[in-house]
Amino acid sequence: MRMTAPLRWALLLALALAMPMLARAQDAVQLGIQTWTLRNLNFDQVVEFAVKHGIKNLQLIGNHLNPEAPAEELMKKKAILEKNGLHAYTFGVAGTSLEKEKNRKLFEFAKMFGMKLIIVEPGDFKILDNLEELVKEYDIRIAIHNHGIRSTYGNPATVKNLLKHRDSRMGVCLDAGWITAAGFDAVKVFRDYQGRVFDVHLKDKEVKPALGETISVDAHIGKGNANLSGLIEELRKTKWNGVMAIETDSQQYALNPSEFVTGAADWFRAHSK
């Protein structure tokens, strides 16, 4: 069937009108969920929860998707995710090994699901050597996750030094809650990483003085001390197009994740316009 000139012009016009919208979509910060938030649910319940709450980007934990599971089980879960319009965009925090071939299994698992990112927190800095080799081989990025200031990667300066001479596909999963608990401003930390932030955990913490030190407890998103409004503004300004994955460490919130996630999603949508 030959395309008539009017039809051809109509298609070209439609494409031209669609291009700005596509560009905006590619530049937009995306919403996701770290399924640690849903740790009291099984895989099928996680799928149902995500569909109900309109969250398509999943950062899955081992409780819900085990890299060591038989291929048949993994393919079945992949089919369920796809059927429900869900995207398993990454996995973590993934365990890693000093043995390269053990880590290869993790990259093969990511490849199977079409993941272009793996969240890690290696227990030994030497592990970064074989991870870098695998990053180059598979063209799959890794992002180092941070916990509190006393943890291995709690100080951003440590992570920057570890990454500065590494492949550019090795970066950071910025946990905004833990960065705040460690005494840093999330916006400044994001800027200082100079393009190395590949993923963000949308978490808030209230930081309180206690016996000459500080303690932190999880708060509903936007209700704690994390500079989340400034962070999402910075992400938008720099056209960062990764995922902000809703997460909580609070067992109380995890027992009723619907209330917590609804509030977090509402906050995100209000601040990402």
C-alpha atoms as a PDB file:
ATOM      1  CA  MET A   1       0.000   0.000   0.000  1.00  0.00           C
ATOM      2  CA  ARG A   2       1.463   3.330  -1.088  1.00  0.00           C
ATOM      3  CA  MET A   3       1.318   6.192   1.359  1.00  0.00           C
ATOM      4  CA  THR A   4      -0.385   9.251  -0.083  1.00  0.00           C
ATOM      5  CA  ALA A   5       1.235  12.664   0.243  1.00  0.00           C
ATOM      6  CA  PRO A   6      -1.431  14.011   2.673  1.00  0.00           C
ATOM      7  CA  LEU A   7      -1.070  10.942   4.887  1.00  0.00           C
ATOM      8  CA  ARG A   8       2.716  11.247   4.836  1.00  0.00           C
ATOM      9  CA  TRP A   9       2.512  14.921   5.847  1.00  0.00           C
ATOM     10  CA  ALA A  10       0.023  14.079   8.596  1.00  0.00           C
ATOM     11  CA  LEU A  11       2.387  11.451  10.034  1.00  0.00           C
ATOM     12  CA  LEU A  12       5.341  13.854   9.905  1.00  0.00           C
ATOM     13  CA  LEU A  13       3.299  16.521  11.667  1.00  0.00           C
ATOM     14  CA  ALA A  14       2.221  14.067  14.383  1.00  0.00           C
ATOM     15  CA  LEU A  15       5.849  13.030  14.912  1.00  0.00           C
ATOM     16  CA  ALA A  16       6.979  16.651  15.137  1.00  0.00           C
ATOM     17  CA  LEU A  17       4.304  17.388  17.737  1.00  0.00           C
ATOM     18  CA  ALA A  18       5.243  14.281  19.721  1.00  0.00           C
ATOM     19  CA  MET A  19       9.000  14.969  19.854  1.00  0.00           C
ATOM     20  CA  PRO A  20       8.892  17.664  22.586  1.00  0.00           C
ATOM     21  CA  MET A  21       6.754  15.378  24.766  1.00  0.00           C
ATOM     22  CA  LEU A  22       9.161  12.476  24.234  1.00  0.00           C
ATOM     23  CA  ALA A  23      12.114  14.699  25.119  1.00  0.00           C
ATOM     24  CA  ARG A  24      10.385  15.860  28.308  1.00  0.00           C
ATOM     25  CA  ALA A  25       9.634  12.257  29.248  1.00  0.00           C
ATOM     26  CA  GLN A  26      13.277  11.258  28.765  1.00  0.00           C
ATOM     27  CA  ASP A  27      14.417  14.184  30.909  1.00  0.00           C
ATOM     28  CA  ALA A  28      11.892  13.602  33.679  1.00  0.00           C
ATOM     29  CA  VAL A  29      12.613  12.236  37.134  1.00  0.00           C
ATOM     30  CA  GLN A  30      10.736   8.955  37.516  1.00  0.00           C
ATOM     31  CA  LEU A  31       8.962   7.484  40.527  1.00  0.00           C
ATOM     32  CA  GLY A  32       9.676   3.966  41.730  1.00  0.00           C
ATOM     33  CA  ILE A  33       9.654   1.853  44.848  1.00  0.00           C
ATOM     34  CA  GLN A  34      12.379  -0.045  46.678  1.00  0.00           C
ATOM     35  CA  THR A  35      10.602  -3.235  47.662  1.00  0.00           C
ATOM     36  CA  TRP A  36      12.323  -3.295  51.045  1.00  0.00           C
ATOM     37  CA  THR A  37       9.373  -1.012  51.827  1.00  0.00           C
ATOM     38  CA  LEU A  38       7.145  -4.020  51.003  1.00  0.00           C
ATOM     39  CA  ARG A  39       9.251  -6.591  52.837  1.00  0.00           C
ATOM     40  CA  ASN A  40       6.233  -8.019  54.630  1.00  0.00           C
ATOM     41  CA  LEU A  41       4.591  -8.875  51.289  1.00  0.00           C
ATOM     42  CA  ASN A  42       5.354 -11.756  48.945  1.00  0.00           C
ATOM     43  CA  PHE A  43       6.133 -11.338  45.245  1.00  0.00           C
ATOM     44  CA  ASP A  44       2.532 -11.608  44.049  1.00  0.00           C
ATOM     45  CA  GLN A  45       1.405  -9.116  46.685  1.00  0.00           C
ATOM     46  CA  VAL A  46       4.164  -6.711  45.618  1.00  0.00           C
ATOM     47  CA  VAL A  47       2.925  -6.881  42.029  1.00  0.00           C
ATOM     48  CA  GLU A  48      -0.657  -6.239  43.148  1.00  0.00           C
ATOM     49  CA  PHE A  49       0.483  -3.362  45.377  1.00  0.00           C
ATOM     50  CA  ALA A  50       2.505  -1.675  42.625  1.00  0.00           C
ATOM     51  CA  VAL A  51      -0.351  -1.917  40.122  1.00  0.00           C
ATOM     52  CA  LYS A  52      -2.845  -0.539  42.658  1.00  0.00           C
ATOM     53  CA  HIS A  53      -0.605   2.437  43.462  1.00  0.00           C
ATOM     54  CA  GLY A  54       0.341   3.163  39.848  1.00  0.00           C
ATOM     55  CA  ILE A  55       4.086   2.631  40.412  1.00  0.00           C
ATOM     56  CA  LYS A  56       5.771   0.925  37.462  1.00  0.00           C
ATOM     57  CA  ASN A  57       9.481   1.081  38.387  1.00  0.00           C
ATOM     58  CA  LEU A  58      10.544  -1.594  40.869  1.00  0.00           C
ATOM     59  CA  GLN A  59      13.863  -1.878  42.674  1.00  0.00           C
ATOM     60  CA  LEU A  60      13.594  -5.439  43.912  1.00  0.00           C
ATOM     61  CA  ILE A  61      15.147  -7.139  46.931  1.00  0.00           C
ATOM     62  CA  GLY A  62      16.060 -10.799  47.313  1.00  0.00           C
ATOM     63  CA  ASN A  63      12.841 -11.572  49.197  1.00  0.00           C
ATOM     64  CA  HIS A  64      10.943 -10.887  45.986  1.00  0.00           C
ATOM     65  CA  LEU A  65      13.419 -11.812  43.259  1.00  0.00           C
ATOM     66  CA  ASN A  66      16.333 -14.080  44.118  1.00  0.00           C
ATOM     67  CA  PRO A  67      19.238 -14.011  41.626  1.00  0.00           C
ATOM     68  CA  GLU A  68      20.101 -17.559  42.730  1.00  0.00           C
ATOM     69  CA  ALA A  69      16.635 -18.929  41.936  1.00  0.00           C
ATOM     70  CA  PRO A  70      16.162 -21.463  39.111  1.00  0.00           C
ATOM     71  CA  ALA A  71      15.861 -19.902  35.654  1.00  0.00           C
ATOM     72  CA  GLU A  72      12.321 -21.261  35.295  1.00  0.00           C
ATOM     73  CA  GLU A  73      11.183 -19.396  38.422  1.00  0.00           C
ATOM     74  CA  LEU A  74      12.887 -16.191  37.304  1.00  0.00           C
ATOM     75  CA  MET A  75      11.346 -16.323  33.836  1.00  0.00           C
ATOM     76  CA  LYS A  76       7.908 -16.901  35.352  1.00  0.00           C
ATOM     77  CA  LYS A  77       8.293 -13.821  37.556  1.00  0.00           C
ATOM     78  CA  LYS A  78       9.594 -11.792  34.622  1.00  0.00           C
ATOM     79  CA  ALA A  79       6.487 -12.724  32.633  1.00  0.00           C
ATOM     80  CA  ILE A  80       4.240 -11.671  35.534  1.00  0.00           C
ATOM     81  CA  LEU A  81       5.973  -8.288  35.784  1.00  0.00           C
ATOM     82  CA  GLU A  82       5.670  -7.681  32.052  1.00  0.00           C
ATOM     83  CA  LYS A  83       2.024  -8.764  31.989  1.00  0.00           C
ATOM     84  CA  ASN A  84       1.274  -6.156  34.657  1.00  0.00           C
ATOM     85  CA  GLY A  85       3.248  -3.387  32.966  1.00  0.00           C
ATOM     86  CA  LEU A  86       5.914  -3.308  35.676  1.00  0.00           C
ATOM     87  CA  HIS A  87       9.605  -2.582  35.094  1.00  0.00           C
ATOM     88  CA  ALA A  88      12.217  -4.280  37.269  1.00  0.00           C
ATOM     89  CA  TYR A  89      14.746  -1.533  36.594  1.00  0.00           C
ATOM     90  CA  THR A  90      17.297  -2.674  39.159  1.00  0.00           C
ATOM     91  CA  PHE A  91      18.039  -5.037  42.042  1.00  0.00           C
ATOM     92  CA  GLY A  92      19.635  -4.402  45.392  1.00  0.00           C
ATOM     93  CA  VAL A  93      21.245  -3.995  47.651  1.00  0.00           C
ATOM     94  CA  ALA A  94      22.936  -6.978  46.009  1.00  0.00           C
ATOM     95  CA  GLY A  95      25.474  -9.144  47.773  1.00  0.00           C
ATOM     96  CA  THR A  96      28.894  -9.181  46.115  1.00  0.00           C
ATOM     97  CA  SER A  97      31.983 -11.381  46.337  1.00  0.00           C
ATOM     98  CA  LEU A  98      35.742 -11.205  45.962  1.00  0.00           C
ATOM     99  CA  GLU A  99      35.257 -13.991  43.400  1.00  0.00           C
ATOM    100  CA  LYS A 100      34.523 -12.506  39.998  1.00  0.00           C
ATOM    101  CA  GLU A 101      32.611 -15.535  38.722  1.00  0.00           C
ATOM    102  CA  LYS A 102      30.169 -15.337  41.625  1.00  0.00           C
ATOM    103  CA  ASN A 103      29.488 -11.718  40.713  1.00  0.00           C
ATOM    104  CA  ARG A 104      29.076 -12.726  37.071  1.00  0.00           C
ATOM    105  CA  LYS A 105      25.896 -14.580  38.078  1.00  0.00           C
ATOM    106  CA  LEU A 106      24.513 -11.276  39.321  1.00  0.00           C
ATOM    107  CA  PHE A 107      25.226  -9.591  35.988  1.00  0.00           C
ATOM    108  CA  GLU A 108      23.711 -12.499  34.062  1.00  0.00           C
ATOM    109  CA  PHE A 109      20.616 -12.181  36.238  1.00  0.00           C
ATOM    110  CA  ALA A 110      20.426  -8.438  35.526  1.00  0.00           C
ATOM    111  CA  LYS A 111      20.857  -9.102  31.812  1.00  0.00           C
ATOM    112  CA  MET A 112      17.985 -11.617  31.877  1.00  0.00           C
ATOM    113  CA  PHE A 113      15.639  -8.935  33.255  1.00  0.00           C
ATOM    114  CA  GLY A 114      16.941  -6.141  31.057  1.00  0.00           C
ATOM    115  CA  MET A 115      18.309  -4.256  34.055  1.00  0.00           C
ATOM    116  CA  LYS A 116      20.922  -1.643  33.222  1.00  0.00           C
ATOM    117  CA  LEU A 117      21.801  -0.972  36.868  1.00  0.00           C
ATOM    118  CA  ILE A 118      22.679  -2.997  39.974  1.00  0.00           C
ATOM    119  CA  ILE A 119      22.725  -1.522  43.497  1.00  0.00           C
ATOM    120  CA  VAL A 120      25.663  -2.743  45.602  1.00  0.00           C
ATOM    121  CA  GLU A 121      27.435  -2.122  48.901  1.00  0.00           C
ATOM    122  CA  PRO A 122      30.610  -4.250  48.741  1.00  0.00           C
ATOM    123  CA  GLY A 123      31.993  -5.447  52.058  1.00  0.00           C
ATOM    124  CA  ASP A 124      35.566  -5.123  50.765  1.00  0.00           C
ATOM    125  CA  PHE A 125      36.928  -2.333  48.552  1.00  0.00           C
ATOM    126  CA  LYS A 126      38.858  -4.951  46.529  1.00  0.00           C
ATOM    127  CA  ILE A 127      35.539  -6.235  45.170  1.00  0.00           C
ATOM    128  CA  LEU A 128      35.304  -3.050  43.104  1.00  0.00           C
ATOM    129  CA  ASP A 129      38.119  -4.377  40.872  1.00  0.00           C
ATOM    130  CA  ASN A 130      36.192  -7.347  39.546  1.00  0.00           C
ATOM    131  CA  LEU A 131      32.931  -5.388  39.493  1.00  0.00           C
ATOM    132  CA  GLU A 132      34.602  -2.857  37.216  1.00  0.00           C
ATOM    133  CA  GLU A 133      35.658  -5.637  34.843  1.00  0.00           C
ATOM    134  CA  LEU A 134      32.084  -6.928  34.726  1.00  0.00           C
ATOM    135  CA  VAL A 135      30.652  -3.436  34.231  1.00  0.00           C
ATOM    136  CA  LYS A 136      32.835  -3.067  31.144  1.00  0.00           C
ATOM    137  CA  GLU A 137      32.010  -6.538  29.858  1.00  0.00           C
ATOM    138  CA  TYR A 138      28.216  -6.327  30.283  1.00  0.00           C
ATOM    139  CA  ASP A 139      27.718  -2.553  29.931  1.00  0.00           C
ATOM    140  CA  ILE A 140      25.589  -2.687  33.080  1.00  0.00           C
ATOM    141  CA  ARG A 141      26.141   0.071  35.634  1.00  0.00           C
ATOM    142  CA  ILE A 142      26.601  -0.375  39.372  1.00  0.00           C
ATOM    143  CA  ALA A 143      25.635   2.123  42.066  1.00  0.00           C
ATOM    144  CA  ILE A 144      27.100   2.085  45.565  1.00  0.00           C
ATOM    145  CA  HIS A 145      24.488   2.540  48.290  1.00  0.00           C
ATOM    146  CA  ASN A 146      25.136   4.478  51.509  1.00  0.00           C
ATOM    147  CA  HIS A 147      23.961   3.887  55.052  1.00  0.00           C
ATOM    148  CA  GLY A 148      24.859   5.872  58.188  1.00  0.00           C
ATOM    149  CA  ILE A 149      28.057   7.837  58.765  1.00  0.00           C
ATOM    150  CA  ARG A 150      29.701   4.926  60.610  1.00  0.00           C
ATOM    151  CA  SER A 151      29.081   2.520  57.724  1.00  0.00           C
ATOM    152  CA  THR A 152      31.660   1.796  55.025  1.00  0.00           C
ATOM    153  CA  TYR A 153      30.161   4.188  52.468  1.00  0.00           C
ATOM    154  CA  GLY A 154      28.493   6.627  54.866  1.00  0.00           C
ATOM    155  CA  ASN A 155      30.851   9.494  54.043  1.00  0.00           C
ATOM    156  CA  PRO A 156      30.447  10.749  50.445  1.00  0.00           C
ATOM    157  CA  ALA A 157      34.128  11.737  50.353  1.00  0.00           C
ATOM    158  CA  THR A 158      35.086   8.080  50.760  1.00  0.00           C
ATOM    159  CA  VAL A 159      32.864   7.042  47.865  1.00  0.00           C
ATOM    160  CA  LYS A 160      34.148   9.854  45.640  1.00  0.00           C
ATOM    161  CA  ASN A 161      37.729   8.758  46.233  1.00  0.00           C
ATOM    162  CA  LEU A 162      36.867   5.153  45.442  1.00  0.00           C
ATOM    163  CA  LEU A 163      35.177   6.073  42.168  1.00  0.00           C
ATOM    164  CA  LYS A 164      37.274   8.933  40.784  1.00  0.00           C
ATOM    165  CA  HIS A 165      39.598   6.693  38.739  1.00  0.00           C
ATOM    166  CA  ARG A 166      36.979   4.044  37.964  1.00  0.00           C
ATOM    167  CA  ASP A 167      34.839   3.460  34.887  1.00  0.00           C
ATOM    168  CA  SER A 168      32.164   6.148  34.497  1.00  0.00           C
ATOM    169  CA  ARG A 169      29.476   3.445  34.702  1.00  0.00           C
ATOM    170  CA  MET A 170      30.332   2.970  38.380  1.00  0.00           C
ATOM    171  CA  GLY A 171      28.388   5.422  40.499  1.00  0.00           C
ATOM    172  CA  VAL A 172      26.130   6.029  43.471  1.00  0.00           C
ATOM    173  CA  CYS A 173      22.717   5.125  44.820  1.00  0.00           C
ATOM    174  CA  LEU A 174      22.016   8.216  46.919  1.00  0.00           C
ATOM    175  CA  ASP A 175      19.890   7.337  49.933  1.00  0.00           C
ATOM    176  CA  ALA A 176      18.546  10.761  50.890  1.00  0.00           C
ATOM    177  CA  GLY A 177      17.458   9.629  54.343  1.00  0.00           C
ATOM    178  CA  TRP A 178      20.772   8.155  55.371  1.00  0.00           C
ATOM    179  CA  ILE A 179      22.717  11.067  53.866  1.00  0.00           C
ATOM    180  CA  THR A 180      20.675  13.392  56.079  1.00  0.00           C
ATOM    181  CA  ALA A 181      21.187  11.185  59.142  1.00  0.00           C
ATOM    182  CA  ALA A 182      24.935  11.296  58.464  1.00  0.00           C
ATOM    183  CA  GLY A 183      24.848  15.105  58.691  1.00  0.00           C
ATOM    184  CA  PHE A 184      25.022  16.007  54.991  1.00  0.00           C
ATOM    185  CA  ASP A 185      22.728  17.983  52.712  1.00  0.00           C
ATOM    186  CA  ALA A 186      21.379  15.792  49.911  1.00  0.00           C
ATOM    187  CA  VAL A 187      21.523  18.584  47.322  1.00  0.00           C
ATOM    188  CA  LYS A 188      25.172  19.399  47.982  1.00  0.00           C
ATOM    189  CA  VAL A 189      26.093  15.719  47.960  1.00  0.00           C
ATOM    190  CA  PHE A 190      24.297  15.201  44.648  1.00  0.00           C
ATOM    191  CA  ARG A 191      26.193  18.131  43.100  1.00  0.00           C
ATOM    192  CA  ASP A 192      29.536  17.005  44.522  1.00  0.00           C
ATOM    193  CA  TYR A 193      29.176  13.582  42.887  1.00  0.00           C
ATOM    194  CA  GLN A 194      29.278  15.365  39.498  1.00  0.00           C
ATOM    195  CA  GLY A 195      27.028  13.079  37.487  1.00  0.00           C
ATOM    196  CA  ARG A 196      27.823   9.868  39.337  1.00  0.00           C
ATOM    197  CA  VAL A 197      24.389   9.539  40.999  1.00  0.00           C
ATOM    198  CA  PHE A 198      22.492   6.832  39.106  1.00  0.00           C
ATOM    199  CA  ASP A 199      19.683   6.142  41.573  1.00  0.00           C
ATOM    200  CA  VAL A 200      17.996   7.883  44.514  1.00  0.00           C
ATOM    201  CA  HIS A 201      16.223   6.365  47.502  1.00  0.00           C
ATOM    202  CA  LEU A 202      13.316   8.639  48.349  1.00  0.00           C
ATOM    203  CA  LYS A 203      13.587   8.391  52.106  1.00  0.00           C
ATOM    204  CA  ASP A 204      13.153  10.944  54.881  1.00  0.00           C
ATOM    205  CA  LYS A 205      14.509  10.906  58.422  1.00  0.00           C
ATOM    206  CA  GLU A 206      13.994  13.067  61.454  1.00  0.00           C
ATOM    207  CA  VAL A 207      17.322  13.747  63.129  1.00  0.00           C
ATOM    208  CA  LYS A 208      17.273  14.384  66.891  1.00  0.00           C
ATOM    209  CA  PRO A 209      19.949  15.163  69.514  1.00  0.00           C
ATOM    210  CA  ALA A 210      20.597  12.401  72.035  1.00  0.00           C
ATOM    211  CA  LEU A 211      23.286  12.242  74.727  1.00  0.00           C
ATOM    212  CA  GLY A 212      25.650  14.547  72.880  1.00  0.00           C
ATOM    213  CA  GLU A 213      25.134  12.750  69.564  1.00  0.00           C
ATOM    214  CA  THR A 214      22.219  12.414  67.189  1.00  0.00           C
ATOM    215  CA  ILE A 215      19.743   9.692  66.425  1.00  0.00           C
ATOM    216  CA  SER A 216      17.550   9.395  63.356  1.00  0.00           C
ATOM    217  CA  VAL A 217      14.134   7.895  62.854  1.00  0.00           C
ATOM    218  CA  ASP A 218      12.201   7.461  59.625  1.00  0.00           C
ATOM    219  CA  ALA A 219       9.582  10.061  58.810  1.00  0.00           C
ATOM    220  CA  HIS A 220       6.868  10.271  56.196  1.00  0.00           C
ATOM    221  CA  ILE A 221       8.263  11.742  52.983  1.00  0.00           C
ATOM    222  CA  GLY A 222       8.493  15.534  53.282  1.00  0.00           C
ATOM    223  CA  LYS A 223       7.982  15.499  57.058  1.00  0.00           C
ATOM    224  CA  GLY A 224      11.572  14.914  58.183  1.00  0.00           C
ATOM    225  CA  ASN A 225      14.845  16.821  57.934  1.00  0.00           C
ATOM    226  CA  ALA A 226      15.978  15.649  54.491  1.00  0.00           C
ATOM    227  CA  ASN A 227      16.185  18.436  51.909  1.00  0.00           C
ATOM    228  CA  LEU A 228      13.968  16.500  49.517  1.00  0.00           C
ATOM    229  CA  SER A 229      12.323  19.556  47.957  1.00  0.00           C
ATOM    230  CA  GLY A 230      15.730  20.983  47.117  1.00  0.00           C
ATOM    231  CA  LEU A 231      16.916  17.621  45.831  1.00  0.00           C
ATOM    232  CA  ILE A 232      14.041  17.053  43.423  1.00  0.00           C
ATOM    233  CA  GLU A 233      14.391  20.634  42.205  1.00  0.00           C
ATOM    234  CA  GLU A 234      18.087  19.961  41.533  1.00  0.00           C
ATOM    235  CA  LEU A 235      17.261  16.721  39.726  1.00  0.00           C
ATOM    236  CA  ARG A 236      14.782  18.511  37.490  1.00  0.00           C
ATOM    237  CA  LYS A 237      17.156  21.414  36.845  1.00  0.00           C
ATOM    238  CA  THR A 238      19.942  19.067  35.739  1.00  0.00           C
ATOM    239  CA  LYS A 239      17.501  16.951  33.658  1.00  0.00           C
ATOM    240  CA  TRP A 240      18.366  13.887  35.698  1.00  0.00           C
ATOM    241  CA  ASN A 241      16.145  11.090  34.402  1.00  0.00           C
ATOM    242  CA  GLY A 242      16.709   8.313  36.906  1.00  0.00           C
ATOM    243  CA  VAL A 243      14.310   6.856  39.464  1.00  0.00           C
ATOM    244  CA  MET A 244      13.499   8.120  42.928  1.00  0.00           C
ATOM    245  CA  ALA A 245      12.577   4.867  44.662  1.00  0.00           C
ATOM    246  CA  ILE A 246      10.277   5.221  47.677  1.00  0.00           C
ATOM    247  CA  GLU A 247      11.805   3.491  50.690  1.00  0.00           C
ATOM    248  CA  THR A 248      11.443   3.240  54.438  1.00  0.00           C
ATOM    249  CA  ASP A 249      13.495   1.463  57.084  1.00  0.00           C
ATOM    250  CA  SER A 250      10.637   1.782  59.583  1.00  0.00           C
ATOM    251  CA  GLN A 251       9.021  -1.511  60.512  1.00  0.00           C
ATOM    252  CA  GLN A 252       5.957   0.432  61.641  1.00  0.00           C
ATOM    253  CA  TYR A 253       5.508   1.997  58.197  1.00  0.00           C
ATOM    254  CA  ALA A 254       6.282  -1.313  56.508  1.00  0.00           C
ATOM    255  CA  LEU A 255       3.415  -2.936  58.406  1.00  0.00           C
ATOM    256  CA  ASN A 256       1.054  -0.501  56.692  1.00  0.00           C
ATOM    257  CA  PRO A 257       2.931   0.359  53.484  1.00  0.00           C
ATOM    258  CA  SER A 258      -0.142   1.652  51.656  1.00  0.00           C
ATOM    259  CA  GLU A 259      -0.445   4.765  53.830  1.00  0.00           C
ATOM    260  CA  PHE A 260       3.287   5.479  53.649  1.00  0.00           C
ATOM    261  CA  VAL A 261       3.583   4.921  49.894  1.00  0.00           C
ATOM    262  CA  THR A 262       0.445   6.914  49.078  1.00  0.00           C
ATOM    263  CA  GLY A 263       1.839   9.880  50.988  1.00  0.00           C
ATOM    264  CA  ALA A 264       5.238   9.528  49.321  1.00  0.00           C
ATOM    265  CA  ALA A 265       3.727   9.270  45.834  1.00  0.00           C
ATOM    266  CA  ASP A 266       1.521  12.307  46.470  1.00  0.00           C
ATOM    267  CA  TRP A 267       4.569  14.269  47.639  1.00  0.00           C
ATOM    268  CA  PHE A 268       6.549  13.223  44.542  1.00  0.00           C
ATOM    269  CA  ARG A 269       3.795  14.122  42.109  1.00  0.00           C
ATOM    270  CA  ALA A 270       3.252  17.501  43.761  1.00  0.00           C
ATOM    271  CA  HIS A 271       6.954  18.374  43.609  1.00  0.00           C
ATOM    272  CA  SER A 272       7.829  16.950  40.189  1.00  0.00           C
ATOM    273  CA  LYS A 273       5.412  19.057  38.170  1.00  0.00           C
END
